[in-house]
Amino acid sequence: MSAVAPISPVVAARSLAAATLAGMVGHRVDAGEGWLPKMAFRVAGRDVDADALLATIGTRRGNHRPIDVAVLVHGLFVDEQNWTRGPDPLPGRLEALFGWSPILVRFNTGLHISDNGEALARLLVELHDAWGPRLGRIQVVGHSMGGLVSRSALAALERQNAAVLERVERLFLLATPNHGADLERLGHFIEVSLRRAAQLSKPDGQGGALAVRARAVAPALVAPAVGELAQRLAVRAGATASLPARSLESLLALRSDGIRDVRYGYMLRAEWESAADAGDPLLTSHRRRLPPPPHVRTFAVAGSLWPTAGARPSRLRTDGLVSCASAAGVGEFDDLGVVASGHYAEVPVLLHQLVPASRRVRAHLRGWAEHERR
């Protein structure tokens, strides 16, 4: 049996529904809930341990040589099935093209990316300990949020000085929001703006919060007039938009920790903790440099809705969710260096969710691998 064996439509639908709910509110649900995805290797729609995975792949390979593997890490709102869709999915071609046996994982995308990174690191350690000399080289392939989780996992292994890190050869980031996603920044902006507007509309006995601020900075003679005007504006805003605004703000407030981490590509616990300590300020990034381990060769692919590829990664060019600049790791700083090293490619006319199944993306992976062999 293959590690990417097909599963029944019923099992597939249940798994995808659980993955979608987990991505939305996964951090709010008791981790003991049976339906909740957890970080695990997956075979035929089931969680398996590293020993079972070796039995599956090793038997099929039929030899005792080290097995090179590609660990595929999916993105937000989906599960491992996202890699197996399309007429010619990537996992089915990895062994033929590169000699890598595909390994699928599934996880709760609603949790903090740093938590999932630590969980993936533990899974790789388990793989190393269980397989021993049968484990060859490891390639890590992450789509969207999965790329951030992969980077977080490698950083965790580096901090632990884990032996398995020596086996990791390449990291492929497919449409990964390395410097965040503008759509999540917009959602956060709307949520915070509505919350502040609601706070301003609440009377406080002194003419409203906005009036108090105005009196503090205005000259003494005009402060009462400014305060009265501020109070009227605040009350009117609260009366005219209170119910729809509160409903929208409440809905946006339900966003999971995983979604919120995507705002600026937070991969470390210290990043989202700093944001929380700062009161979750409006459009303020706490992202830190996190270069991959020096020996891990890193590659990045961006999708774009434009008809042709751009000369350089642009924040205006996007696959609908992630900009080319973010996918290339170009933002307030560049901690990937994939553009300078020639390890970056933009694929035009490609939607975000179609990136894992794209043959053009696969062609870039193959081109990079073949170039390194020469």
Protein backbone atom coordinates (compact mmCIF):
# COMPACT_ATOMS: atom_id res chain seq x y z
CA MET A 1 0.00 0.00 0.00
CA SER A 2 1.25 3.48 -0.87
CA ALA A 3 1.59 6.27 1.69
CA VAL A 4 -0.73 8.30 -0.57
CA ALA A 5 -3.34 5.58 -1.13
CA PRO A 6 -6.82 6.88 -2.06
CA ILE A 7 -9.53 7.08 0.59
CA SER A 8 -13.32 6.79 0.39
CA PRO A 9 -15.38 9.90 -0.45
CA VAL A 10 -17.10 9.79 2.94
CA VAL A 11 -13.83 9.68 4.88
CA ALA A 12 -12.39 12.39 2.64
CA ALA A 13 -15.40 14.69 3.20
CA ARG A 14 -15.31 14.24 6.98
CA SER A 15 -11.59 14.90 7.11
CA LEU A 16 -11.87 18.06 5.03
CA ALA A 17 -14.81 19.35 7.10
CA ALA A 18 -12.83 18.81 10.30
CA ALA A 19 -9.81 20.53 8.76
CA THR A 20 -11.88 23.56 7.74
CA LEU A 21 -13.47 23.94 11.18
CA ALA A 22 -10.11 23.49 12.85
CA GLY A 23 -8.62 26.24 10.71
CA MET A 24 -11.41 28.62 11.70
CA VAL A 25 -11.64 28.02 15.44
CA GLY A 26 -9.26 25.14 16.14
CA HIS A 27 -7.51 26.82 19.05
CA ARG A 28 -10.82 27.20 20.91
CA VAL A 29 -11.69 23.51 20.94
CA ASP A 30 -10.57 21.01 23.56
CA ALA A 31 -7.53 19.19 22.20
CA GLY A 32 -9.05 15.94 23.43
CA GLU A 33 -11.89 16.13 20.91
CA GLY A 34 -11.65 13.11 18.65
CA TRP A 35 -12.58 14.94 15.47
CA LEU A 36 -9.87 17.55 15.85
CA PRO A 37 -6.85 17.03 13.55
CA LYS A 38 -3.50 16.59 15.27
CA MET A 39 0.01 16.64 13.87
CA ALA A 40 0.50 13.14 12.51
CA PHE A 41 1.71 11.12 9.56
CA ARG A 42 -1.19 10.06 7.35
CA VAL A 43 -1.75 6.93 5.28
CA ALA A 44 -5.08 6.24 3.55
CA GLY A 45 -6.88 8.81 5.66
CA ARG A 46 -5.57 7.49 8.99
CA ASP A 47 -3.02 8.70 11.52
CA VAL A 48 0.00 6.36 11.66
CA ASP A 49 3.26 6.35 13.56
CA ALA A 50 6.73 6.26 12.04
CA ASP A 51 7.03 2.47 12.36
CA ALA A 52 3.83 1.91 10.40
CA LEU A 53 5.01 4.42 7.83
CA LEU A 54 8.27 2.52 7.37
CA ALA A 55 6.36 -0.73 6.98
CA THR A 56 4.26 0.88 4.25
CA ILE A 57 7.06 2.57 2.31
CA GLY A 58 9.84 0.09 3.03
CA THR A 59 7.82 -2.91 1.86
CA ARG A 60 6.94 -1.18 -1.37
CA ARG A 61 10.55 -0.17 -2.00
CA GLY A 62 11.66 -3.78 -1.43
CA ASN A 63 15.27 -3.05 -0.48
CA HIS A 64 17.35 -2.09 2.51
CA ARG A 65 18.97 1.04 1.16
CA PRO A 66 18.27 4.41 2.83
CA ILE A 67 14.96 5.87 1.72
CA ASP A 68 14.92 9.51 0.62
CA VAL A 69 11.62 11.14 1.56
CA ALA A 70 9.66 14.31 0.87
CA VAL A 71 7.53 15.50 3.78
CA LEU A 72 4.50 17.38 2.43
CA VAL A 73 2.95 19.97 4.76
CA HIS A 74 -0.45 21.37 3.72
CA GLY A 75 -1.89 24.83 4.25
CA LEU A 76 -4.72 26.53 6.12
CA PHE A 77 -8.29 25.10 6.10
CA VAL A 78 -7.30 21.90 4.26
CA ASP A 79 -5.79 18.51 5.03
CA GLU A 80 -3.27 16.20 3.37
CA GLN A 81 -5.72 15.51 0.52
CA ASN A 82 -4.87 18.92 -0.93
CA TRP A 83 -1.68 17.33 -2.31
CA THR A 84 -3.51 14.51 -4.06
CA ARG A 85 -6.01 16.46 -6.15
CA GLY A 86 -5.76 17.05 -9.88
CA PRO A 87 -5.12 14.78 -12.84
CA ASP A 88 -1.42 14.27 -12.05
CA PRO A 89 -0.80 15.15 -8.37
CA LEU A 90 2.65 15.96 -7.05
CA PRO A 91 3.05 13.01 -4.60
CA GLY A 92 2.61 10.50 -7.41
CA ARG A 93 5.48 12.06 -9.37
CA LEU A 94 8.02 12.68 -6.61
CA GLU A 95 9.49 9.20 -6.66
CA ALA A 96 9.61 8.95 -10.45
CA LEU A 97 11.19 12.37 -10.92
CA PHE A 98 13.43 12.67 -7.87
CA GLY A 99 13.51 9.32 -6.09
CA TRP A 100 11.74 10.79 -3.04
CA SER A 101 9.05 8.78 -1.28
CA PRO A 102 6.19 11.15 -0.35
CA ILE A 103 5.13 11.40 3.29
CA LEU A 104 1.90 13.25 4.07
CA VAL A 105 1.14 14.94 7.38
CA ARG A 106 -2.04 16.49 8.75
CA PHE A 107 -2.37 19.05 11.55
CA ASN A 108 -4.74 21.51 13.23
CA THR A 109 -4.21 24.73 11.28
CA GLY A 110 -6.12 26.77 13.88
CA LEU A 111 -3.28 26.49 16.39
CA HIS A 112 -0.35 28.90 16.54
CA ILE A 113 2.16 28.23 13.78
CA SER A 114 4.89 27.98 16.42
CA ASP A 115 2.94 25.20 18.19
CA ASN A 116 2.53 23.29 14.95
CA GLY A 117 6.19 23.86 14.14
CA GLU A 118 7.22 22.26 17.41
CA ALA A 119 4.83 19.36 16.75
CA LEU A 120 6.26 18.82 13.26
CA ALA A 121 9.77 18.90 14.71
CA ARG A 122 8.79 16.12 17.14
CA LEU A 123 7.37 14.14 14.23
CA LEU A 124 10.66 14.41 12.31
CA VAL A 125 12.59 13.31 15.39
CA GLU A 126 10.25 10.31 15.65
CA LEU A 127 10.91 9.52 11.99
CA HIS A 128 14.67 9.65 12.57
CA ASP A 129 14.58 7.50 15.71
CA ALA A 130 12.24 4.86 14.27
CA TRP A 131 13.81 4.50 10.84
CA GLY A 132 17.45 4.70 11.87
CA PRO A 133 19.78 3.89 8.94
CA ARG A 134 16.78 3.33 6.64
CA LEU A 135 16.15 7.10 6.64
CA GLY A 136 17.99 8.86 3.85
CA ARG A 137 17.73 12.51 2.89
CA ILE A 138 14.68 14.60 3.78
CA GLN A 139 13.05 17.19 1.57
CA VAL A 140 10.41 19.37 3.21
CA VAL A 141 7.70 20.82 0.96
CA GLY A 142 5.25 23.32 2.46
CA HIS A 143 2.29 24.98 0.79
CA SER A 144 1.00 28.30 2.14
CA MET A 145 0.84 28.11 5.95
CA GLY A 146 2.56 24.74 5.67
CA GLY A 147 5.70 26.55 4.58
CA LEU A 148 5.64 28.67 7.74
CA VAL A 149 5.08 25.57 9.86
CA SER A 150 8.01 23.90 8.09
CA ARG A 151 10.30 26.86 8.74
CA SER A 152 9.21 26.94 12.37
CA ALA A 153 9.93 23.20 12.69
CA LEU A 154 13.45 23.54 11.27
CA ALA A 155 14.12 26.41 13.69
CA ALA A 156 12.93 24.21 16.58
CA LEU A 157 15.22 21.37 15.47
CA GLU A 158 18.09 23.84 15.21
CA ARG A 159 17.49 25.06 18.77
CA GLN A 160 17.43 21.46 19.98
CA ASN A 161 20.53 20.51 17.96
CA ALA A 162 18.50 17.49 16.82
CA ALA A 163 20.31 14.83 14.81
CA VAL A 164 17.49 14.59 12.25
CA LEU A 165 18.26 18.12 11.05
CA GLU A 166 21.42 16.82 9.39
CA ARG A 167 19.21 14.70 7.11
CA VAL A 168 17.17 17.67 5.89
CA GLU A 169 18.53 18.59 2.48
CA ARG A 170 16.06 21.01 0.89
CA LEU A 171 13.10 23.19 1.83
CA PHE A 172 10.54 24.09 -0.83
CA LEU A 173 8.12 26.91 -0.02
CA LEU A 174 5.08 27.03 -2.32
CA ALA A 175 3.03 30.25 -2.14
CA THR A 176 4.10 30.70 1.49
CA PRO A 177 3.26 34.05 3.17
CA ASN A 178 6.78 34.51 4.54
CA HIS A 179 6.03 38.15 5.31
CA GLY A 180 2.33 37.75 5.88
CA ALA A 181 -0.90 37.97 3.89
CA ASP A 182 -2.60 41.25 3.02
CA LEU A 183 -6.08 39.69 3.31
CA GLU A 184 -5.52 38.82 6.97
CA ARG A 185 -4.06 42.29 7.59
CA LEU A 186 -7.25 43.75 6.13
CA GLY A 187 -9.40 41.56 8.36
CA HIS A 188 -7.40 42.59 11.41
CA PHE A 189 -7.65 46.27 10.44
CA ILE A 190 -11.44 46.04 10.15
CA GLU A 191 -11.77 44.15 13.45
CA VAL A 192 -9.65 46.62 15.42
CA SER A 193 -11.29 49.64 13.75
CA LEU A 194 -14.80 48.41 14.59
CA ARG A 195 -13.78 47.64 18.17
CA ARG A 196 -12.32 51.11 18.65
CA ALA A 197 -15.35 52.75 17.08
CA ALA A 198 -17.59 50.86 19.49
CA GLN A 199 -15.46 51.97 22.42
CA LEU A 200 -15.64 55.58 21.32
CA SER A 201 -19.43 55.43 21.11
CA LYS A 202 -19.84 54.39 24.75
CA PRO A 203 -20.78 57.25 27.13
CA ASP A 204 -18.47 57.62 30.12
CA GLY A 205 -20.02 60.51 31.98
CA GLN A 206 -17.59 62.99 30.48
CA GLY A 207 -19.04 63.35 26.99
CA GLY A 208 -17.59 60.10 25.55
CA ALA A 209 -14.06 58.79 25.22
CA LEU A 210 -13.38 60.86 22.13
CA ALA A 211 -14.53 63.99 23.91
CA VAL A 212 -12.19 63.31 26.84
CA ARG A 213 -9.24 62.99 24.46
CA ALA A 214 -10.22 66.18 22.67
CA ARG A 215 -10.45 68.16 25.91
CA ALA A 216 -7.01 66.95 26.92
CA VAL A 217 -5.34 68.49 23.89
CA ALA A 218 -7.58 71.42 22.94
CA PRO A 219 -7.28 74.95 24.32
CA ALA A 220 -9.38 75.60 27.40
CA LEU A 221 -11.86 77.97 25.66
CA VAL A 222 -12.81 75.63 22.85
CA ALA A 223 -12.48 72.28 24.66
CA PRO A 224 -16.16 72.15 25.77
CA ALA A 225 -17.35 72.74 22.21
CA VAL A 226 -14.96 70.13 20.82
CA GLY A 227 -16.06 67.65 23.47
CA GLU A 228 -19.73 68.19 22.68
CA LEU A 229 -19.12 67.70 18.95
CA ALA A 230 -17.07 64.56 19.58
CA GLN A 231 -19.79 63.14 21.76
CA ARG A 232 -22.48 63.72 19.14
CA LEU A 233 -20.36 62.12 16.38
CA ALA A 234 -19.53 59.11 18.53
CA VAL A 235 -23.14 58.52 19.57
CA ARG A 236 -24.33 58.88 15.98
CA ALA A 237 -21.70 56.37 14.76
CA GLY A 238 -22.71 53.93 17.46
CA ALA A 239 -26.43 54.30 16.71
CA THR A 240 -26.23 54.02 12.94
CA ALA A 241 -23.83 51.10 12.66
CA SER A 242 -24.01 49.41 16.03
CA LEU A 243 -25.68 46.09 15.20
CA PRO A 244 -23.99 45.32 11.85
CA ALA A 245 -20.66 46.57 13.14
CA ARG A 246 -20.85 44.53 16.34
CA SER A 247 -21.87 41.44 14.38
CA LEU A 248 -18.99 41.83 11.93
CA GLU A 249 -16.50 42.55 14.72
CA SER A 250 -17.68 39.49 16.64
CA LEU A 251 -17.33 37.32 13.54
CA LEU A 252 -13.82 38.59 12.81
CA ALA A 253 -12.86 38.10 16.46
CA LEU A 254 -13.47 34.35 16.05
CA ARG A 255 -10.45 33.99 13.77
CA SER A 256 -8.13 31.29 15.03
CA ASP A 257 -4.60 31.79 16.32
CA GLY A 258 -3.30 30.20 13.14
CA ILE A 259 -5.10 32.72 10.93
CA ARG A 260 -3.84 35.60 13.03
CA ASP A 261 -0.26 34.36 12.81
CA VAL A 262 -0.47 34.52 9.02
CA ARG A 263 -0.97 38.32 9.24
CA TYR A 264 2.81 38.87 9.36
CA GLY A 265 4.08 35.33 9.02
CA TYR A 266 4.72 34.69 12.72
CA MET A 267 6.67 31.44 13.14
CA LEU A 268 8.05 31.93 16.66
CA ARG A 269 6.27 32.00 19.98
CA ALA A 270 8.09 35.21 20.90
CA GLU A 271 6.54 36.98 17.90
CA TRP A 272 2.87 36.41 18.71
CA GLU A 273 3.55 36.86 22.43
CA SER A 274 5.10 40.27 21.70
CA ALA A 275 2.03 41.19 19.66
CA ALA A 276 -0.22 40.13 22.54
CA ASP A 277 1.83 42.09 25.09
CA ALA A 278 1.55 45.17 22.88
CA GLY A 279 -2.24 44.90 22.92
CA ASP A 280 -2.47 43.61 19.35
CA PRO A 281 -1.80 47.05 17.81
CA LEU A 282 -3.08 48.03 14.41
CA LEU A 283 -0.81 47.01 11.50
CA THR A 284 2.33 46.58 13.61
CA SER A 285 4.61 43.66 12.78
CA HIS A 286 6.60 41.74 15.39
CA ARG A 287 8.15 39.41 12.83
CA ARG A 288 11.80 38.49 13.45
CA ARG A 289 14.51 37.19 11.16
CA LEU A 290 14.45 33.42 10.87
CA PRO A 291 16.85 32.16 8.20
CA PRO A 292 16.73 28.42 7.47
CA PRO A 293 19.62 26.31 8.79
CA PRO A 294 22.72 27.08 6.69
CA HIS A 295 22.99 23.60 5.13
CA VAL A 296 19.32 23.47 4.04
CA ARG A 297 18.97 24.66 0.45
CA THR A 298 15.80 26.74 0.24
CA PHE A 299 13.57 27.39 -2.78
CA ALA A 300 10.40 29.45 -3.15
CA VAL A 301 7.60 29.52 -5.72
CA ALA A 302 4.95 32.24 -6.01
CA GLY A 303 1.70 32.05 -7.92
CA SER A 304 0.32 35.11 -9.67
CA LEU A 305 -2.95 36.13 -11.31
CA TRP A 306 -1.05 38.23 -13.84
CA PRO A 307 -0.60 36.91 -17.41
CA THR A 308 3.20 37.06 -17.28
CA ALA A 309 5.85 36.70 -14.60
CA GLY A 310 7.29 39.90 -13.15
CA ALA A 311 10.93 40.93 -13.33
CA ARG A 312 11.09 41.04 -9.53
CA PRO A 313 8.84 39.94 -6.66
CA SER A 314 6.11 42.52 -6.16
CA ARG A 315 3.59 43.04 -3.39
CA LEU A 316 1.03 44.07 -6.02
CA ARG A 317 1.28 40.74 -7.82
CA THR A 318 -0.66 38.07 -5.97
CA ASP A 319 -2.19 34.61 -6.35
CA GLY A 320 -5.36 35.89 -4.69
CA LEU A 321 -4.09 35.39 -1.13
CA VAL A 322 -0.29 35.69 -1.01
CA SER A 323 1.76 38.33 -2.80
CA CYS A 324 4.83 37.41 -4.82
CA ALA A 325 6.98 39.55 -2.53
CA SER A 326 5.79 37.67 0.54
CA ALA A 327 6.26 34.29 -1.16
CA ALA A 328 9.81 35.31 -2.06
CA GLY A 329 10.52 36.33 1.53
CA VAL A 330 11.00 39.96 0.54
CA GLY A 331 9.51 42.44 3.01
CA GLU A 332 10.89 44.50 5.86
CA PHE A 333 13.91 42.20 5.59
CA ASP A 334 14.98 39.22 3.50
CA ASP A 335 15.85 36.18 5.60
CA LEU A 336 15.54 33.61 2.80
CA GLY A 337 17.84 34.97 0.11
CA VAL A 338 16.10 32.90 -2.58
CA VAL A 339 15.94 35.73 -5.13
CA ALA A 340 19.66 36.46 -4.99
CA SER A 341 20.52 32.75 -5.19
CA GLY A 342 18.24 32.08 -8.16
CA HIS A 343 16.02 29.82 -6.09
CA TYR A 344 12.82 31.79 -6.68
CA ALA A 345 10.23 31.48 -9.44
CA GLU A 346 6.94 33.20 -10.19
CA VAL A 347 4.29 31.19 -12.02
CA PRO A 348 1.69 33.40 -13.77
CA VAL A 349 -2.05 32.71 -14.05
CA LEU A 350 -2.09 30.45 -11.01
CA LEU A 351 -4.52 30.61 -8.07
CA HIS A 352 -3.26 30.05 -4.55
CA GLN A 353 -5.04 26.73 -3.88
CA LEU A 354 -3.97 25.31 -7.25
CA VAL A 355 -0.25 25.74 -6.59
CA PRO A 356 0.30 22.22 -5.12
CA ALA A 357 -1.25 20.56 -8.20
CA SER A 358 0.46 22.74 -10.82
CA ARG A 359 2.67 21.00 -13.35
CA ARG A 360 4.46 24.29 -13.96
CA VAL A 361 5.41 24.45 -10.29
CA ARG A 362 6.65 20.87 -10.54
CA ALA A 363 8.74 21.84 -13.57
CA HIS A 364 10.54 24.46 -11.48
CA LEU A 365 11.23 21.91 -8.74
CA ARG A 366 12.60 19.52 -11.33
CA GLY A 367 14.73 22.22 -12.93
CA TRP A 368 16.31 23.17 -9.62
CA ALA A 369 17.00 19.53 -8.73
CA GLU A 370 18.55 18.77 -12.11
CA HIS A 371 20.67 21.92 -12.00
CA GLU A 372 22.15 20.82 -8.66
CA ARG A 373 23.01 17.39 -10.08
CA ARG A 374 25.15 18.89 -12.85
